[in-house]
Amino acid sequence: LSPVCLGSLRRAAKFVIALVIWKGISRTSKVVYITMILPLITIVILLIRGATLENSLNGVRAYIGNWDMSVLSQGPVWTEAVGQIFFSIGITFGIMTAYSSYNSRHQDAVQDSIIIALMNSGVSFFAGFAVFSTLGFISIKSGIAIEDLKFSGTSLVLLAR
């Protein structure tokens, strides 16, 4: 994108954010419904699209079909897993603090934190199907094994169009 386009997007985003927070928590809570549901809908669309691609099943097999349980006995694997959870939940740390201030005094905070962590992991696991079904397609088109592909980020799914 050009710098002019990025500047326009940035100004538009600031304007939308200002509108959202102008009325306080009542409007912000309504916006959360959209900002939570829209990414889930996007993942479902990407999953459906990925499932219709050629060789998508091989990508899914690479994701959940080839398990090497001996890897779980290695410390670095657990370090990376914990780091990933902290990274993906850490971005919402301030929001969770604000959320907790609106709970009642007797709200079960441990239960809320477990639900948030499980939902985060569940959505990540579900999104993996969209990514790996696309990887199966990319691998057959490029002639490279799935394990040897070197894509990352949003380009991974968008390259399959």
C-alpha atoms as a PDB file:
ATOM      1  CA  LEU A   1       0.000   0.000   0.000  1.00  0.00           C
ATOM      2  CA  SER A   2       1.154   3.513  -0.716  1.00  0.00           C
ATOM      3  CA  PRO A   3       2.014   5.930   2.119  1.00  0.00           C
ATOM      4  CA  VAL A   4      -0.989   8.079   1.196  1.00  0.00           C
ATOM      5  CA  CYS A   5      -3.322   5.096   1.452  1.00  0.00           C
ATOM      6  CA  LEU A   6      -1.793   4.037   4.766  1.00  0.00           C
ATOM      7  CA  GLY A   7      -2.190   7.568   6.103  1.00  0.00           C
ATOM      8  CA  SER A   8      -5.844   7.609   5.089  1.00  0.00           C
ATOM      9  CA  LEU A   9      -6.426   4.238   6.729  1.00  0.00           C
ATOM     10  CA  ARG A  10      -4.735   5.437   9.900  1.00  0.00           C
ATOM     11  CA  ARG A  11      -6.918   8.567  10.047  1.00  0.00           C
ATOM     12  CA  ALA A  12     -10.056   6.520   9.404  1.00  0.00           C
ATOM     13  CA  ALA A  13      -9.097   4.085  12.164  1.00  0.00           C
ATOM     14  CA  LYS A  14      -8.516   6.938  14.620  1.00  0.00           C
ATOM     15  CA  PHE A  15     -11.910   8.416  13.737  1.00  0.00           C
ATOM     16  CA  VAL A  16     -13.690   5.083  14.251  1.00  0.00           C
ATOM     17  CA  ILE A  17     -11.902   4.528  17.571  1.00  0.00           C
ATOM     18  CA  ALA A  18     -12.880   8.020  18.723  1.00  0.00           C
ATOM     19  CA  LEU A  19     -16.527   7.328  17.847  1.00  0.00           C
ATOM     20  CA  VAL A  20     -16.447   4.039  19.717  1.00  0.00           C
ATOM     21  CA  ILE A  21     -15.003   5.390  22.959  1.00  0.00           C
ATOM     22  CA  TRP A  22     -16.969   8.654  22.865  1.00  0.00           C
ATOM     23  CA  LYS A  23     -20.048   7.161  24.552  1.00  0.00           C
ATOM     24  CA  GLY A  24     -18.059   5.094  27.032  1.00  0.00           C
ATOM     25  CA  ILE A  25     -18.328   1.476  28.028  1.00  0.00           C
ATOM     26  CA  SER A  26     -21.907   1.010  26.815  1.00  0.00           C
ATOM     27  CA  ARG A  27     -20.949   1.512  23.169  1.00  0.00           C
ATOM     28  CA  THR A  28     -17.596  -0.201  23.527  1.00  0.00           C
ATOM     29  CA  SER A  29     -19.268  -3.381  24.737  1.00  0.00           C
ATOM     30  CA  LYS A  30     -21.442  -3.399  21.597  1.00  0.00           C
ATOM     31  CA  VAL A  31     -18.403  -2.966  19.362  1.00  0.00           C
ATOM     32  CA  VAL A  32     -16.760  -5.957  21.034  1.00  0.00           C
ATOM     33  CA  TYR A  33     -19.472  -8.201  19.614  1.00  0.00           C
ATOM     34  CA  ILE A  34     -18.433  -7.175  16.101  1.00  0.00           C
ATOM     35  CA  THR A  35     -14.701  -7.271  16.742  1.00  0.00           C
ATOM     36  CA  MET A  36     -14.942 -10.744  18.261  1.00  0.00           C
ATOM     37  CA  ILE A  37     -17.353 -12.315  15.782  1.00  0.00           C
ATOM     38  CA  LEU A  38     -15.849 -10.880  12.579  1.00  0.00           C
ATOM     39  CA  PRO A  39     -12.443 -12.610  12.965  1.00  0.00           C
ATOM     40  CA  LEU A  40     -14.191 -15.898  13.731  1.00  0.00           C
ATOM     41  CA  ILE A  41     -16.324 -15.533  10.601  1.00  0.00           C
ATOM     42  CA  THR A  42     -13.162 -14.756   8.629  1.00  0.00           C
ATOM     43  CA  ILE A  43     -11.480 -17.913   9.937  1.00  0.00           C
ATOM     44  CA  VAL A  44     -14.535 -19.981   8.966  1.00  0.00           C
ATOM     45  CA  ILE A  45     -14.498 -18.473   5.455  1.00  0.00           C
ATOM     46  CA  LEU A  46     -10.778 -19.199   5.111  1.00  0.00           C
ATOM     47  CA  LEU A  47     -11.345 -22.734   6.381  1.00  0.00           C
ATOM     48  CA  ILE A  48     -14.131 -23.373   3.880  1.00  0.00           C
ATOM     49  CA  ARG A  49     -12.009 -21.937   1.083  1.00  0.00           C
ATOM     50  CA  GLY A  50      -8.995 -23.965   2.193  1.00  0.00           C
ATOM     51  CA  ALA A  51     -11.047 -27.161   2.384  1.00  0.00           C
ATOM     52  CA  THR A  52     -12.135 -26.743  -1.236  1.00  0.00           C
ATOM     53  CA  LEU A  53      -8.552 -26.488  -2.495  1.00  0.00           C
ATOM     54  CA  GLU A  54      -6.725 -29.381  -4.094  1.00  0.00           C
ATOM     55  CA  ASN A  55      -4.535 -31.396  -1.653  1.00  0.00           C
ATOM     56  CA  SER A  56      -6.017 -29.677   1.410  1.00  0.00           C
ATOM     57  CA  LEU A  57      -6.427 -33.018   3.170  1.00  0.00           C
ATOM     58  CA  ASN A  58      -2.667 -33.605   3.051  1.00  0.00           C
ATOM     59  CA  GLY A  59      -2.184 -30.245   4.733  1.00  0.00           C
ATOM     60  CA  VAL A  60      -4.622 -31.211   7.493  1.00  0.00           C
ATOM     61  CA  ARG A  61      -2.818 -34.544   7.888  1.00  0.00           C
ATOM     62  CA  ALA A  62       0.445 -32.638   8.324  1.00  0.00           C
ATOM     63  CA  TYR A  63      -1.274 -30.564  11.018  1.00  0.00           C
ATOM     64  CA  ILE A  64      -2.878 -33.290  13.117  1.00  0.00           C
ATOM     65  CA  GLY A  65      -2.068 -36.610  11.470  1.00  0.00           C
ATOM     66  CA  ASN A  66       1.641 -36.974  12.141  1.00  0.00           C
ATOM     67  CA  TRP A  67       2.230 -36.837  15.877  1.00  0.00           C
ATOM     68  CA  ASP A  68       5.623 -37.425  17.416  1.00  0.00           C
ATOM     69  CA  MET A  69       4.856 -37.790  21.125  1.00  0.00           C
ATOM     70  CA  SER A  70       8.565 -38.021  22.017  1.00  0.00           C
ATOM     71  CA  VAL A  71       8.854 -34.289  21.311  1.00  0.00           C
ATOM     72  CA  LEU A  72       6.690 -33.586  24.378  1.00  0.00           C
ATOM     73  CA  SER A  73       9.475 -34.780  26.654  1.00  0.00           C
ATOM     74  CA  GLN A  74      11.765 -31.989  25.464  1.00  0.00           C
ATOM     75  CA  GLY A  75      11.917 -28.783  27.502  1.00  0.00           C
ATOM     76  CA  PRO A  76      12.261 -26.305  24.610  1.00  0.00           C
ATOM     77  CA  VAL A  77       8.934 -27.457  23.162  1.00  0.00           C
ATOM     78  CA  TRP A  78       7.140 -26.547  26.386  1.00  0.00           C
ATOM     79  CA  THR A  79       9.025 -23.250  26.590  1.00  0.00           C
ATOM     80  CA  GLU A  80       7.855 -22.339  23.086  1.00  0.00           C
ATOM     81  CA  ALA A  81       4.283 -23.414  23.857  1.00  0.00           C
ATOM     82  CA  VAL A  82       4.095 -21.309  27.015  1.00  0.00           C
ATOM     83  CA  GLY A  83       5.698 -18.394  25.190  1.00  0.00           C
ATOM     84  CA  GLN A  84       3.070 -18.638  22.449  1.00  0.00           C
ATOM     85  CA  ILE A  85       0.217 -18.612  24.966  1.00  0.00           C
ATOM     86  CA  PHE A  86       1.667 -15.617  26.799  1.00  0.00           C
ATOM     87  CA  PHE A  87       2.217 -13.834  23.486  1.00  0.00           C
ATOM     88  CA  SER A  88      -1.306 -14.430  22.203  1.00  0.00           C
ATOM     89  CA  ILE A  89      -3.031 -13.615  25.504  1.00  0.00           C
ATOM     90  CA  GLY A  90      -0.554 -10.912  26.542  1.00  0.00           C
ATOM     91  CA  ILE A  91      -1.845  -8.463  23.961  1.00  0.00           C
ATOM     92  CA  THR A  92      -5.164  -8.363  25.822  1.00  0.00           C
ATOM     93  CA  PHE A  93      -3.697  -7.965  29.295  1.00  0.00           C
ATOM     94  CA  GLY A  94      -4.884  -4.360  29.660  1.00  0.00           C
ATOM     95  CA  ILE A  95      -8.329  -5.241  28.366  1.00  0.00           C
ATOM     96  CA  MET A  96      -8.637  -8.114  30.838  1.00  0.00           C
ATOM     97  CA  THR A  97      -7.725  -5.749  33.662  1.00  0.00           C
ATOM     98  CA  ALA A  98     -10.435  -3.311  32.567  1.00  0.00           C
ATOM     99  CA  TYR A  99     -12.876  -6.206  32.135  1.00  0.00           C
ATOM    100  CA  SER A 100     -12.228  -7.381  35.677  1.00  0.00           C
ATOM    101  CA  SER A 101     -13.075  -3.952  37.069  1.00  0.00           C
ATOM    102  CA  TYR A 102     -16.628  -4.341  35.725  1.00  0.00           C
ATOM    103  CA  ASN A 103     -17.153  -7.759  37.334  1.00  0.00           C
ATOM    104  CA  SER A 104     -18.885  -8.194  40.629  1.00  0.00           C
ATOM    105  CA  ARG A 105     -16.794  -8.675  43.739  1.00  0.00           C
ATOM    106  CA  HIS A 106     -17.716 -12.367  43.899  1.00  0.00           C
ATOM    107  CA  GLN A 107     -17.039 -13.177  40.234  1.00  0.00           C
ATOM    108  CA  ASP A 108     -14.894 -16.279  39.826  1.00  0.00           C
ATOM    109  CA  ALA A 109     -11.727 -14.800  38.295  1.00  0.00           C
ATOM    110  CA  VAL A 110     -10.011 -18.174  38.052  1.00  0.00           C
ATOM    111  CA  GLN A 111     -12.896 -19.559  36.008  1.00  0.00           C
ATOM    112  CA  ASP A 112     -12.823 -16.515  33.725  1.00  0.00           C
ATOM    113  CA  SER A 113      -9.083 -16.859  33.152  1.00  0.00           C
ATOM    114  CA  ILE A 114      -9.416 -20.572  32.347  1.00  0.00           C
ATOM    115  CA  ILE A 115     -12.245 -19.856  29.902  1.00  0.00           C
ATOM    116  CA  ILE A 116     -10.202 -17.126  28.203  1.00  0.00           C
ATOM    117  CA  ALA A 117      -7.128 -19.366  27.915  1.00  0.00           C
ATOM    118  CA  LEU A 118      -9.141 -22.323  26.577  1.00  0.00           C
ATOM    119  CA  MET A 119     -11.014 -20.176  24.067  1.00  0.00           C
ATOM    120  CA  ASN A 120      -7.744 -18.621  22.905  1.00  0.00           C
ATOM    121  CA  SER A 121      -6.179 -22.042  22.395  1.00  0.00           C
ATOM    122  CA  GLY A 122      -9.343 -23.382  20.750  1.00  0.00           C
ATOM    123  CA  VAL A 123      -9.515 -20.577  18.206  1.00  0.00           C
ATOM    124  CA  SER A 124      -5.797 -21.000  17.459  1.00  0.00           C
ATOM    125  CA  PHE A 125      -6.283 -24.753  16.951  1.00  0.00           C
ATOM    126  CA  PHE A 126      -9.303 -24.139  14.704  1.00  0.00           C
ATOM    127  CA  ALA A 127      -7.404 -21.526  12.665  1.00  0.00           C
ATOM    128  CA  GLY A 128      -4.630 -24.076  12.142  1.00  0.00           C
ATOM    129  CA  PHE A 129      -6.991 -26.083   9.951  1.00  0.00           C
ATOM    130  CA  ALA A 130      -7.458 -23.078   7.652  1.00  0.00           C
ATOM    131  CA  VAL A 131      -3.710 -22.509   7.470  1.00  0.00           C
ATOM    132  CA  PHE A 132      -2.658 -26.111   6.931  1.00  0.00           C
ATOM    133  CA  SER A 133      -5.347 -26.857   4.357  1.00  0.00           C
ATOM    134  CA  THR A 134      -3.917 -23.937   2.399  1.00  0.00           C
ATOM    135  CA  LEU A 135      -0.389 -25.285   2.931  1.00  0.00           C
ATOM    136  CA  GLY A 136      -1.450 -28.571   1.351  1.00  0.00           C
ATOM    137  CA  PHE A 137      -2.563 -26.694  -1.745  1.00  0.00           C
ATOM    138  CA  ILE A 138       0.589 -24.572  -1.899  1.00  0.00           C
ATOM    139  CA  SER A 139       2.788 -27.643  -1.532  1.00  0.00           C
ATOM    140  CA  ILE A 140       1.250 -29.447  -4.500  1.00  0.00           C
ATOM    141  CA  LYS A 141       1.333 -26.339  -6.705  1.00  0.00           C
ATOM    142  CA  SER A 142       4.962 -25.535  -5.848  1.00  0.00           C
ATOM    143  CA  GLY A 143       6.168 -29.162  -5.751  1.00  0.00           C
ATOM    144  CA  ILE A 144       7.681 -28.635  -2.285  1.00  0.00           C
ATOM    145  CA  ALA A 145       6.871 -30.841   0.712  1.00  0.00           C
ATOM    146  CA  ILE A 146       4.675 -29.210   3.361  1.00  0.00           C
ATOM    147  CA  GLU A 147       7.448 -29.452   5.961  1.00  0.00           C
ATOM    148  CA  ASP A 148       9.816 -27.507   3.675  1.00  0.00           C
ATOM    149  CA  LEU A 149       7.524 -24.558   2.882  1.00  0.00           C
ATOM    150  CA  LYS A 150       8.837 -21.248   4.234  1.00  0.00           C
ATOM    151  CA  PHE A 151       5.725 -19.042   4.433  1.00  0.00           C
ATOM    152  CA  SER A 152       4.529 -17.085   7.435  1.00  0.00           C
ATOM    153  CA  GLY A 153       1.993 -14.418   8.348  1.00  0.00           C
ATOM    154  CA  THR A 154      -1.030 -13.389   6.323  1.00  0.00           C
ATOM    155  CA  SER A 155       0.746 -14.114   3.036  1.00  0.00           C
ATOM    156  CA  LEU A 156       0.346 -17.791   3.843  1.00  0.00           C
ATOM    157  CA  VAL A 157      -3.404 -17.890   3.269  1.00  0.00           C
ATOM    158  CA  LEU A 158      -3.559 -15.105   0.702  1.00  0.00           C
ATOM    159  CA  LEU A 159      -1.060 -16.819  -1.620  1.00  0.00           C
ATOM    160  CA  ALA A 160      -3.501 -19.631  -2.326  1.00  0.00           C
ATOM    161  CA  ARG A 161      -5.973 -17.465  -4.237  1.00  0.00           C
END
